[in-house]
Each structure stands twice: as structure tokens, then as C-alpha cells.
Amino acid sequence: KVQRPTALRQCLLDASVIMAGLRIIEKTPFWNGDLLEVFDGVAGGVVQELDFRHEARNAETFKKSLDFLGYVDVPVVLDSYLRRRVLVMEWIKGRHLSD
């Protein structure tokens, strides 16, 4: 998995447009929540997920959480290739859940 060079910039631009819209919505008499606070939490998570090292840690946590099942596997991250914008994992041959 290789991240596009402009991914972070695009996410930040998109977020600024969304925030402008939320500011308008929050000024209407029909809204009584804090949309900007909710969006801030979501946006922080998106930016964090753009760092594939974080995604690799999540994969390991996910794998450990499913170990008790015995029949579900999660690909191992190949750490020697892991970078902020590059994630390489082993190939696992298996079948789709719908099969």
C-alpha cells in the first residue's frame, strides 16, 4: 500500500471545506449540538490513519484480538518495508467470508 504524495494535503483541504459548512449549520436555529467538536475528533483519526505505521500497529492489535477464534488470520506487516507512507504485508491465501 503506497500513499499518494498529496493525500495529507487533500484531506486537510477537504476538512477545511467541511468545517466551513459545519460553521454555517451551527449558526442555524435548528441545530443545538457541537458539530465542529465531533468533526475534530473524526478528522484527528483520519490524519492519524494516514501514517501507515499507526495502521501497522492496529493490524497487530487486531490480530491479537482475533487469536482466540483460531480460524481468522491477519497478514503480518513486513517491518523492513514499513514507512509512514508505505505498508507491505504478507499475502494470505484464503477464501472470502461469503463463500
PDB file of N, CA and C in Angstrom:
ATOM      1  N   LYS A   1       0.864  -1.157   0.000  1.00  0.00           N
ATOM      2  CA  LYS A   1       0.000   0.000   0.000  1.00  0.00           C
ATOM      3  C   LYS A   1       0.909   1.217   0.000  1.00  0.00           C
ATOM      4  N   VAL A   2       0.739   2.064  -1.001  1.00  0.00           N
ATOM      5  CA  VAL A   2       1.562   3.265  -1.109  1.00  0.00           C
ATOM      6  C   VAL A   2       0.625   4.472  -1.141  1.00  0.00           C
ATOM      7  N   GLN A   3       0.891   5.396  -0.254  1.00  0.00           N
ATOM      8  CA  GLN A   3       0.042   6.583  -0.148  1.00  0.00           C
ATOM      9  C   GLN A   3       0.398   7.596  -1.236  1.00  0.00           C
ATOM     10  N   ARG A   4      -0.592   8.202  -1.789  1.00  0.00           N
ATOM     11  CA  ARG A   4      -0.363   9.264  -2.769  1.00  0.00           C
ATOM     12  C   ARG A   4       0.362  10.423  -2.091  1.00  0.00           C
ATOM     13  N   PRO A   5       1.268  11.071  -2.796  1.00  0.00           N
ATOM     14  CA  PRO A   5       2.052  12.154  -2.186  1.00  0.00           C
ATOM     15  C   PRO A   5       1.210  13.305  -1.643  1.00  0.00           C
ATOM     16  N   THR A   6       0.044  13.528  -2.233  1.00  0.00           N
ATOM     17  CA  THR A   6      -0.781  14.668  -1.826  1.00  0.00           C
ATOM     18  C   THR A   6      -1.934  14.278  -0.897  1.00  0.00           C
ATOM     19  N   ALA A   7      -1.923  13.069  -0.362  1.00  0.00           N
ATOM     20  CA  ALA A   7      -3.055  12.585   0.440  1.00  0.00           C
ATOM     21  C   ALA A   7      -3.317  13.457   1.662  1.00  0.00           C
ATOM     22  N   LEU A   8      -2.299  13.775   2.425  1.00  0.00           N
ATOM     23  CA  LEU A   8      -2.493  14.578   3.628  1.00  0.00           C
ATOM     24  C   LEU A   8      -3.010  15.967   3.265  1.00  0.00           C
ATOM     25  N   ARG A   9      -2.398  16.579   2.267  1.00  0.00           N
ATOM     26  CA  ARG A   9      -2.830  17.917   1.840  1.00  0.00           C
ATOM     27  C   ARG A   9      -4.292  17.895   1.407  1.00  0.00           C
ATOM     28  N   GLN A  10      -4.681  16.879   0.650  1.00  0.00           N
ATOM     29  CA  GLN A  10      -6.062  16.785   0.180  1.00  0.00           C
ATOM     30  C   GLN A  10      -7.025  16.604   1.348  1.00  0.00           C
ATOM     31  N   CYS A  11      -6.655  15.773   2.317  1.00  0.00           N
ATOM     32  CA  CYS A  11      -7.508  15.577   3.493  1.00  0.00           C
ATOM     33  C   CYS A  11      -7.684  16.878   4.270  1.00  0.00           C
ATOM     34  N   LEU A  12      -6.612  17.641   4.414  1.00  0.00           N
ATOM     35  CA  LEU A  12      -6.690  18.904   5.141  1.00  0.00           C
ATOM     36  C   LEU A  12      -7.545  19.925   4.390  1.00  0.00           C
ATOM     37  N   LEU A  13      -7.423  19.956   3.066  1.00  0.00           N
ATOM     38  CA  LEU A  13      -8.269  20.854   2.271  1.00  0.00           C
ATOM     39  C   LEU A  13      -9.742  20.457   2.385  1.00  0.00           C
ATOM     40  N   ASP A  14     -10.012  19.167   2.274  1.00  0.00           N
ATOM     41  CA  ASP A  14     -11.383  18.680   2.416  1.00  0.00           C
ATOM     42  C   ASP A  14     -11.946  19.040   3.790  1.00  0.00           C
ATOM     43  N   ALA A  15     -11.119  18.875   4.812  1.00  0.00           N
ATOM     44  CA  ALA A  15     -11.559  19.180   6.175  1.00  0.00           C
ATOM     45  C   ALA A  15     -11.906  20.651   6.331  1.00  0.00           C
ATOM     46  N   SER A  16     -11.134  21.522   5.706  1.00  0.00           N
ATOM     47  CA  SER A  16     -11.424  22.952   5.828  1.00  0.00           C
ATOM     48  C   SER A  16     -12.762  23.303   5.169  1.00  0.00           C
ATOM     49  N   VAL A  17     -13.089  22.647   4.062  1.00  0.00           N
ATOM     50  CA  VAL A  17     -14.378  22.875   3.408  1.00  0.00           C
ATOM     51  C   VAL A  17     -15.511  22.367   4.293  1.00  0.00           C
ATOM     52  N   ILE A  18     -15.341  21.175   4.851  1.00  0.00           N
ATOM     53  CA  ILE A  18     -16.361  20.603   5.734  1.00  0.00           C
ATOM     54  C   ILE A  18     -16.564  21.492   6.953  1.00  0.00           C
ATOM     55  N   MET A  19     -15.474  21.981   7.536  1.00  0.00           N
ATOM     56  CA  MET A  19     -15.585  22.844   8.715  1.00  0.00           C
ATOM     57  C   MET A  19     -16.330  24.139   8.390  1.00  0.00           C
ATOM     58  N   ALA A  20     -16.101  24.691   7.226  1.00  0.00           N
ATOM     59  CA  ALA A  20     -16.826  25.905   6.825  1.00  0.00           C
ATOM     60  C   ALA A  20     -18.329  25.617   6.753  1.00  0.00           C
ATOM     61  N   GLY A  21     -18.683  24.484   6.194  1.00  0.00           N
ATOM     62  CA  GLY A  21     -20.093  24.094   6.132  1.00  0.00           C
ATOM     63  C   GLY A  21     -20.690  23.867   7.503  1.00  0.00           C
ATOM     64  N   LEU A  22     -19.932  23.229   8.385  1.00  0.00           N
ATOM     65  CA  LEU A  22     -20.426  22.968   9.742  1.00  0.00           C
ATOM     66  C   LEU A  22     -20.634  24.263  10.513  1.00  0.00           C
ATOM     67  N   ARG A  23     -19.763  25.233  10.307  1.00  0.00           N
ATOM     68  CA  ARG A  23     -19.925  26.534  10.974  1.00  0.00           C
ATOM     69  C   ARG A  23     -21.243  27.185  10.562  1.00  0.00           C
ATOM     70  N   ILE A  24     -21.579  27.071   9.284  1.00  0.00           N
ATOM     71  CA  ILE A  24     -22.839  27.631   8.790  1.00  0.00           C
ATOM     72  C   ILE A  24     -24.024  26.906   9.429  1.00  0.00           C
ATOM     73  N   ILE A  25     -23.950  25.568   9.447  1.00  0.00           N
ATOM     74  CA  ILE A  25     -25.040  24.772  10.029  1.00  0.00           C
ATOM     75  C   ILE A  25     -25.221  25.097  11.499  1.00  0.00           C
ATOM     76  N   GLU A  26     -24.123  25.245  12.225  1.00  0.00           N
ATOM     77  CA  GLU A  26     -24.220  25.509  13.666  1.00  0.00           C
ATOM     78  C   GLU A  26     -24.845  26.861  13.977  1.00  0.00           C
ATOM     79  N   LYS A  27     -24.859  27.765  13.024  1.00  0.00           N
ATOM     80  CA  LYS A  27     -25.463  29.087  13.242  1.00  0.00           C
ATOM     81  C   LYS A  27     -26.970  29.081  13.031  1.00  0.00           C
ATOM     82  N   THR A  28     -27.509  27.988  12.506  1.00  0.00           N
ATOM     83  CA  THR A  28     -28.953  27.927  12.276  1.00  0.00           C
ATOM     84  C   THR A  28     -29.670  27.625  13.586  1.00  0.00           C
ATOM     85  N   PRO A  29     -30.917  28.036  13.697  1.00  0.00           N
ATOM     86  CA  PRO A  29     -31.675  27.773  14.926  1.00  0.00           C
ATOM     87  C   PRO A  29     -32.113  26.316  15.062  1.00  0.00           C
ATOM     88  N   PHE A  30     -31.863  25.516  14.021  1.00  0.00           N
ATOM     89  CA  PHE A  30     -32.319  24.123  14.036  1.00  0.00           C
ATOM     90  C   PHE A  30     -31.297  23.165  14.625  1.00  0.00           C
ATOM     91  N   TRP A  31     -30.121  23.663  14.938  1.00  0.00           N
ATOM     92  CA  TRP A  31     -29.065  22.785  15.435  1.00  0.00           C
ATOM     93  C   TRP A  31     -28.653  23.184  16.840  1.00  0.00           C
ATOM     94  N   ASN A  32     -28.496  22.200  17.716  1.00  0.00           N
ATOM     95  CA  ASN A  32     -28.106  22.510  19.100  1.00  0.00           C
ATOM     96  C   ASN A  32     -26.937  21.658  19.587  1.00  0.00           C
ATOM     97  N   GLY A  33     -26.169  21.057  18.681  1.00  0.00           N
ATOM     98  CA  GLY A  33     -25.018  20.234  19.063  1.00  0.00           C
ATOM     99  C   GLY A  33     -23.713  20.923  18.713  1.00  0.00           C
ATOM    100  N   ASP A  34     -22.617  20.239  18.939  1.00  0.00           N
ATOM    101  CA  ASP A  34     -21.308  20.799  18.613  1.00  0.00           C
ATOM    102  C   ASP A  34     -20.689  19.978  17.481  1.00  0.00           C
ATOM    103  N   LEU A  35     -21.106  20.287  16.268  1.00  0.00           N
ATOM    104  CA  LEU A  35     -20.632  19.546  15.097  1.00  0.00           C
ATOM    105  C   LEU A  35     -19.131  19.681  14.905  1.00  0.00           C
ATOM    106  N   LEU A  36     -18.593  20.855  15.178  1.00  0.00           N
ATOM    107  CA  LEU A  36     -17.156  21.055  14.986  1.00  0.00           C
ATOM    108  C   LEU A  36     -16.346  20.181  15.930  1.00  0.00           C
ATOM    109  N   GLU A  37     -16.816  20.014  17.147  1.00  0.00           N
ATOM    110  CA  GLU A  37     -16.097  19.154  18.094  1.00  0.00           C
ATOM    111  C   GLU A  37     -16.125  17.697  17.634  1.00  0.00           C
ATOM    112  N   VAL A  38     -17.272  17.248  17.158  1.00  0.00           N
ATOM    113  CA  VAL A  38     -17.391  15.882  16.647  1.00  0.00           C
ATOM    114  C   VAL A  38     -16.483  15.691  15.437  1.00  0.00           C
ATOM    115  N   PHE A  39     -16.538  16.637  14.509  1.00  0.00           N
ATOM    116  CA  PHE A  39     -15.709  16.533  13.306  1.00  0.00           C
ATOM    117  C   PHE A  39     -14.223  16.583  13.650  1.00  0.00           C
ATOM    118  N   ASP A  40     -13.860  17.378  14.627  1.00  0.00           N
ATOM    119  CA  ASP A  40     -12.461  17.469  15.041  1.00  0.00           C
ATOM    120  C   ASP A  40     -11.938  16.096  15.480  1.00  0.00           C
ATOM    121  N   GLY A  41     -12.760  15.357  16.221  1.00  0.00           N
ATOM    122  CA  GLY A  41     -12.362  14.011  16.630  1.00  0.00           C
ATOM    123  C   GLY A  41     -12.208  13.071  15.453  1.00  0.00           C
ATOM    124  N   VAL A  42     -13.129  13.143  14.523  1.00  0.00           N
ATOM    125  CA  VAL A  42     -13.073  12.295  13.329  1.00  0.00           C
ATOM    126  C   VAL A  42     -11.857  12.658  12.480  1.00  0.00           C
ATOM    127  N   ALA A  43     -11.644  13.955  12.264  1.00  0.00           N
ATOM    128  CA  ALA A  43     -10.528  14.407  11.428  1.00  0.00           C
ATOM    129  C   ALA A  43      -9.185  14.002  12.032  1.00  0.00           C
ATOM    130  N   GLY A  44      -9.074  14.080  13.345  1.00  0.00           N
ATOM    131  CA  GLY A  44      -7.839  13.657  14.004  1.00  0.00           C
ATOM    132  C   GLY A  44      -7.539  12.194  13.747  1.00  0.00           C
ATOM    133  N   GLY A  45      -8.581  11.374  13.772  1.00  0.00           N
ATOM    134  CA  GLY A  45      -8.411   9.959  13.485  1.00  0.00           C
ATOM    135  C   GLY A  45      -8.007   9.698  12.045  1.00  0.00           C
ATOM    136  N   VAL A  46      -8.565  10.462  11.125  1.00  0.00           N
ATOM    137  CA  VAL A  46      -8.215  10.307   9.711  1.00  0.00           C
ATOM    138  C   VAL A  46      -6.751  10.658   9.484  1.00  0.00           C
ATOM    139  N   VAL A  47      -6.328  11.766  10.052  1.00  0.00           N
ATOM    140  CA  VAL A  47      -4.921  12.172   9.886  1.00  0.00           C
ATOM    141  C   VAL A  47      -3.995  11.128  10.502  1.00  0.00           C
ATOM    142  N   GLN A  48      -4.375  10.589  11.660  1.00  0.00           N
ATOM    143  CA  GLN A  48      -3.556   9.562  12.306  1.00  0.00           C
ATOM    144  C   GLN A  48      -3.467   8.314  11.430  1.00  0.00           C
ATOM    145  N   GLU A  49      -4.559   7.945  10.784  1.00  0.00           N
ATOM    146  CA  GLU A  49      -4.565   6.762   9.922  1.00  0.00           C
ATOM    147  C   GLU A  49      -3.750   6.963   8.646  1.00  0.00           C
ATOM    148  N   LEU A  50      -3.452   8.196   8.288  1.00  0.00           N
ATOM    149  CA  LEU A  50      -2.616   8.438   7.118  1.00  0.00           C
ATOM    150  C   LEU A  50      -1.161   8.051   7.378  1.00  0.00           C
ATOM    151  N   ASP A  51      -0.814   7.828   8.625  1.00  0.00           N
ATOM    152  CA  ASP A  51       0.517   7.313   8.969  1.00  0.00           C
ATOM    153  C   ASP A  51       0.401   5.795   9.019  1.00  0.00           C
ATOM    154  N   PHE A  52       0.933   5.124   8.006  1.00  0.00           N
ATOM    155  CA  PHE A  52       0.769   3.676   7.899  1.00  0.00           C
ATOM    156  C   PHE A  52       1.456   2.921   9.030  1.00  0.00           C
ATOM    157  N   ARG A  53       2.375   3.562   9.734  1.00  0.00           N
ATOM    158  CA  ARG A  53       2.969   2.913  10.908  1.00  0.00           C
ATOM    159  C   ARG A  53       1.897   2.700  11.971  1.00  0.00           C
ATOM    160  N   HIS A  54       0.989   3.649  12.074  1.00  0.00           N
ATOM    161  CA  HIS A  54      -0.134   3.511  13.006  1.00  0.00           C
ATOM    162  C   HIS A  54      -1.054   2.379  12.556  1.00  0.00           C
ATOM    163  N   GLU A  55      -1.304   2.310  11.270  1.00  0.00           N
ATOM    164  CA  GLU A  55      -2.130   1.229  10.732  1.00  0.00           C
ATOM    165  C   GLU A  55      -1.488  -0.135  11.004  1.00  0.00           C
ATOM    166  N   ALA A  56      -0.164  -0.206  10.914  1.00  0.00           N
ATOM    167  CA  ALA A  56       0.545  -1.465  11.194  1.00  0.00           C
ATOM    168  C   ALA A  56       0.350  -1.884  12.658  1.00  0.00           C
ATOM    169  N   ARG A  57       0.428  -0.930  13.573  1.00  0.00           N
ATOM    170  CA  ARG A  57       0.190  -1.247  14.991  1.00  0.00           C
ATOM    171  C   ARG A  57      -1.242  -1.724  15.207  1.00  0.00           C
ATOM    172  N   ASN A  58      -2.180  -1.080  14.514  1.00  0.00           N
ATOM    173  CA  ASN A  58      -3.582  -1.501  14.623  1.00  0.00           C
ATOM    174  C   ASN A  58      -3.779  -2.920  14.092  1.00  0.00           C
ATOM    175  N   ALA A  59      -3.069  -3.275  13.034  1.00  0.00           N
ATOM    176  CA  ALA A  59      -3.178  -4.626  12.481  1.00  0.00           C
ATOM    177  C   ALA A  59      -2.715  -5.657  13.499  1.00  0.00           C
ATOM    178  N   GLU A  60      -1.635  -5.357  14.207  1.00  0.00           N
ATOM    179  CA  GLU A  60      -1.131  -6.281  15.232  1.00  0.00           C
ATOM    180  C   GLU A  60      -2.129  -6.418  16.383  1.00  0.00           C
ATOM    181  N   THR A  61      -2.700  -5.318  16.809  1.00  0.00           N
ATOM    182  CA  THR A  61      -3.715  -5.341  17.874  1.00  0.00           C
ATOM    183  C   THR A  61      -4.934  -6.138  17.424  1.00  0.00           C
ATOM    184  N   PHE A  62      -5.353  -5.914  16.183  1.00  0.00           N
ATOM    185  CA  PHE A  62      -6.494  -6.620  15.623  1.00  0.00           C
ATOM    186  C   PHE A  62      -6.228  -8.121  15.567  1.00  0.00           C
ATOM    187  N   LYS A  63      -5.022  -8.483  15.134  1.00  0.00           N
ATOM    188  CA  LYS A  63      -4.632  -9.898  15.060  1.00  0.00           C
ATOM    189  C   LYS A  63      -4.716 -10.553  16.440  1.00  0.00           C
ATOM    190  N   LYS A  64      -4.175  -9.883  17.449  1.00  0.00           N
ATOM    191  CA  LYS A  64      -4.211 -10.429  18.811  1.00  0.00           C
ATOM    192  C   LYS A  64      -5.636 -10.573  19.318  1.00  0.00           C
ATOM    193  N   SER A  65      -6.499  -9.640  18.948  1.00  0.00           N
ATOM    194  CA  SER A  65      -7.883  -9.698  19.428  1.00  0.00           C
ATOM    195  C   SER A  65      -8.671 -10.845  18.806  1.00  0.00           C
ATOM    196  N   LEU A  66      -8.211 -11.363  17.665  1.00  0.00           N
ATOM    197  CA  LEU A  66      -8.911 -12.453  16.988  1.00  0.00           C
ATOM    198  C   LEU A  66      -8.253 -13.811  17.170  1.00  0.00           C
ATOM    199  N   ASP A  67      -7.108 -13.862  17.833  1.00  0.00           N
ATOM    200  CA  ASP A  67      -6.378 -15.118  18.015  1.00  0.00           C
ATOM    201  C   ASP A  67      -7.235 -16.217  18.639  1.00  0.00           C
ATOM    202  N   PHE A  68      -8.124 -15.848  19.550  1.00  0.00           N
ATOM    203  CA  PHE A  68      -8.921 -16.848  20.254  1.00  0.00           C
ATOM    204  C   PHE A  68      -9.841 -17.629  19.315  1.00  0.00           C
ATOM    205  N   LEU A  69     -10.152 -17.068  18.144  1.00  0.00           N
ATOM    206  CA  LEU A  69     -11.034 -17.755  17.199  1.00  0.00           C
ATOM    207  C   LEU A  69     -10.357 -18.956  16.552  1.00  0.00           C
ATOM    208  N   GLY A  70      -9.075 -18.826  16.265  1.00  0.00           N
ATOM    209  CA  GLY A  70      -8.329 -19.932  15.690  1.00  0.00           C
ATOM    210  C   GLY A  70      -8.472 -20.100  14.184  1.00  0.00           C
ATOM    211  N   TYR A  71      -9.437 -19.456  13.559  1.00  0.00           N
ATOM    212  CA  TYR A  71      -9.620 -19.639  12.122  1.00  0.00           C
ATOM    213  C   TYR A  71      -9.558 -18.321  11.338  1.00  0.00           C
ATOM    214  N   VAL A  72      -9.289 -17.225  12.012  1.00  0.00           N
ATOM    215  CA  VAL A  72      -9.164 -15.930  11.347  1.00  0.00           C
ATOM    216  C   VAL A  72      -7.707 -15.511  11.417  1.00  0.00           C
ATOM    217  N   ASP A  73      -7.190 -15.039  10.287  1.00  0.00           N
ATOM    218  CA  ASP A  73      -5.802 -14.603  10.272  1.00  0.00           C
ATOM    219  C   ASP A  73      -5.720 -13.183   9.753  1.00  0.00           C
ATOM    220  N   VAL A  74      -4.708 -12.488  10.183  1.00  0.00           N
ATOM    221  CA  VAL A  74      -4.432 -11.124   9.743  1.00  0.00           C
ATOM    222  C   VAL A  74      -3.016 -11.124   9.178  1.00  0.00           C
ATOM    223  N   PRO A  75      -2.823 -10.538   8.013  1.00  0.00           N
ATOM    224  CA  PRO A  75      -1.478 -10.541   7.414  1.00  0.00           C
ATOM    225  C   PRO A  75      -0.447  -9.884   8.331  1.00  0.00           C
ATOM    226  N   VAL A  76       0.754 -10.424   8.309  1.00  0.00           N
ATOM    227  CA  VAL A  76       1.864  -9.877   9.080  1.00  0.00           C
ATOM    228  C   VAL A  76       2.459  -8.703   8.307  1.00  0.00           C
ATOM    229  N   VAL A  77       2.740  -7.629   9.016  1.00  0.00           N
ATOM    230  CA  VAL A  77       3.380  -6.465   8.406  1.00  0.00           C
ATOM    231  C   VAL A  77       4.862  -6.779   8.216  1.00  0.00           C
ATOM    232  N   LEU A  78       5.380  -6.478   7.043  1.00  0.00           N
ATOM    233  CA  LEU A  78       6.805  -6.660   6.777  1.00  0.00           C
ATOM    234  C   LEU A  78       7.523  -5.381   7.216  1.00  0.00           C
ATOM    235  N   ASP A  79       8.001  -5.391   8.468  1.00  0.00           N
ATOM    236  CA  ASP A  79       8.552  -4.198   9.104  1.00  0.00           C
ATOM    237  C   ASP A  79       9.706  -3.559   8.342  1.00  0.00           C
ATOM    238  N   SER A  80      10.482  -4.360   7.639  1.00  0.00           N
ATOM    239  CA  SER A  80      11.647  -3.796   6.935  1.00  0.00           C
ATOM    240  C   SER A  80      11.229  -2.834   5.821  1.00  0.00           C
ATOM    241  N   TYR A  81       9.983  -2.925   5.368  1.00  0.00           N
ATOM    242  CA  TYR A  81       9.487  -2.037   4.315  1.00  0.00           C
ATOM    243  C   TYR A  81       8.562  -0.941   4.854  1.00  0.00           C
ATOM    244  N   LEU A  82       8.184  -1.033   6.112  1.00  0.00           N
ATOM    245  CA  LEU A  82       7.204  -0.126   6.698  1.00  0.00           C
ATOM    246  C   LEU A  82       7.745   1.294   6.789  1.00  0.00           C
ATOM    247  N   ARG A  83       6.973   2.229   6.274  1.00  0.00           N
ATOM    248  CA  ARG A  83       7.288   3.655   6.341  1.00  0.00           C
ATOM    249  C   ARG A  83       5.995   4.404   6.620  1.00  0.00           C
ATOM    250  N   ARG A  84       6.118   5.677   6.858  1.00  0.00           N
ATOM    251  CA  ARG A  84       4.933   6.491   7.127  1.00  0.00           C
ATOM    252  C   ARG A  84       3.922   6.393   5.983  1.00  0.00           C
ATOM    253  N   ARG A  85       4.409   6.296   4.746  1.00  0.00           N
ATOM    254  CA  ARG A  85       3.516   6.276   3.588  1.00  0.00           C
ATOM    255  C   ARG A  85       3.590   4.982   2.782  1.00  0.00           C
ATOM    256  N   VAL A  86       4.207   3.943   3.351  1.00  0.00           N
ATOM    257  CA  VAL A  86       4.296   2.641   2.674  1.00  0.00           C
ATOM    258  C   VAL A  86       3.998   1.537   3.685  1.00  0.00           C
ATOM    259  N   LEU A  87       3.102   0.627   3.302  1.00  0.00           N
ATOM    260  CA  LEU A  87       2.756  -0.512   4.151  1.00  0.00           C
ATOM    261  C   LEU A  87       2.771  -1.766   3.282  1.00  0.00           C
ATOM    262  N   VAL A  88       3.610  -2.729   3.661  1.00  0.00           N
ATOM    263  CA  VAL A  88       3.692  -4.000   2.938  1.00  0.00           C
ATOM    264  C   VAL A  88       3.352  -5.109   3.924  1.00  0.00           C
ATOM    265  N   MET A  89       2.441  -5.977   3.502  1.00  0.00           N
ATOM    266  CA  MET A  89       2.005  -7.084   4.359  1.00  0.00           C
ATOM    267  C   MET A  89       2.122  -8.392   3.584  1.00  0.00           C
ATOM    268  N   GLU A  90       2.214  -9.481   4.318  1.00  0.00           N
ATOM    269  CA  GLU A  90       2.283 -10.786   3.672  1.00  0.00           C
ATOM    270  C   GLU A  90       0.968 -11.088   2.959  1.00  0.00           C
ATOM    271  N   TRP A  91       1.050 -11.948   1.953  1.00  0.00           N
ATOM    272  CA  TRP A  91      -0.141 -12.405   1.244  1.00  0.00           C
ATOM    273  C   TRP A  91      -0.682 -13.632   1.958  1.00  0.00           C
ATOM    274  N   ILE A  92      -1.957 -13.629   2.235  1.00  0.00           N
ATOM    275  CA  ILE A  92      -2.593 -14.782   2.870  1.00  0.00           C
ATOM    276  C   ILE A  92      -3.599 -15.364   1.888  1.00  0.00           C
ATOM    277  N   LYS A  93      -3.411 -16.628   1.583  1.00  0.00           N
ATOM    278  CA  LYS A  93      -4.349 -17.309   0.700  1.00  0.00           C
ATOM    279  C   LYS A  93      -5.490 -17.819   1.563  1.00  0.00           C
ATOM    280  N   GLY A  94      -6.677 -17.548   1.131  1.00  0.00           N
ATOM    281  CA  GLY A  94      -7.832 -17.975   1.898  1.00  0.00           C
ATOM    282  C   GLY A  94      -9.090 -17.881   1.046  1.00  0.00           C
ATOM    283  N   ARG A  95     -10.184 -17.867   1.717  1.00  0.00           N
ATOM    284  CA  ARG A  95     -11.454 -17.735   0.993  1.00  0.00           C
ATOM    285  C   ARG A  95     -12.246 -16.571   1.578  1.00  0.00           C
ATOM    286  N   HIS A  96     -13.117 -16.057   0.787  1.00  0.00           N
ATOM    287  CA  HIS A  96     -13.936 -14.926   1.194  1.00  0.00           C
ATOM    288  C   HIS A  96     -15.024 -15.416   2.143  1.00  0.00           C
ATOM    289  N   LEU A  97     -15.444 -14.570   3.063  1.00  0.00           N
ATOM    290  CA  LEU A  97     -16.465 -14.948   4.038  1.00  0.00           C
ATOM    291  C   LEU A  97     -17.778 -15.339   3.376  1.00  0.00           C
ATOM    292  N   SER A  98     -18.061 -14.778   2.208  1.00  0.00           N
ATOM    293  CA  SER A  98     -19.328 -15.091   1.523  1.00  0.00           C
ATOM    294  C   SER A  98     -19.311 -16.446   0.822  1.00  0.00           C
ATOM    295  N   ASP A  99     -18.142 -17.088   0.761  1.00  0.00           N
ATOM    296  CA  ASP A  99     -18.039 -18.416   0.096  1.00  0.00           C
ATOM    297  C   ASP A  99     -18.560 -19.520   0.985  1.00  0.00           C
TER     298      ASP A  99
END
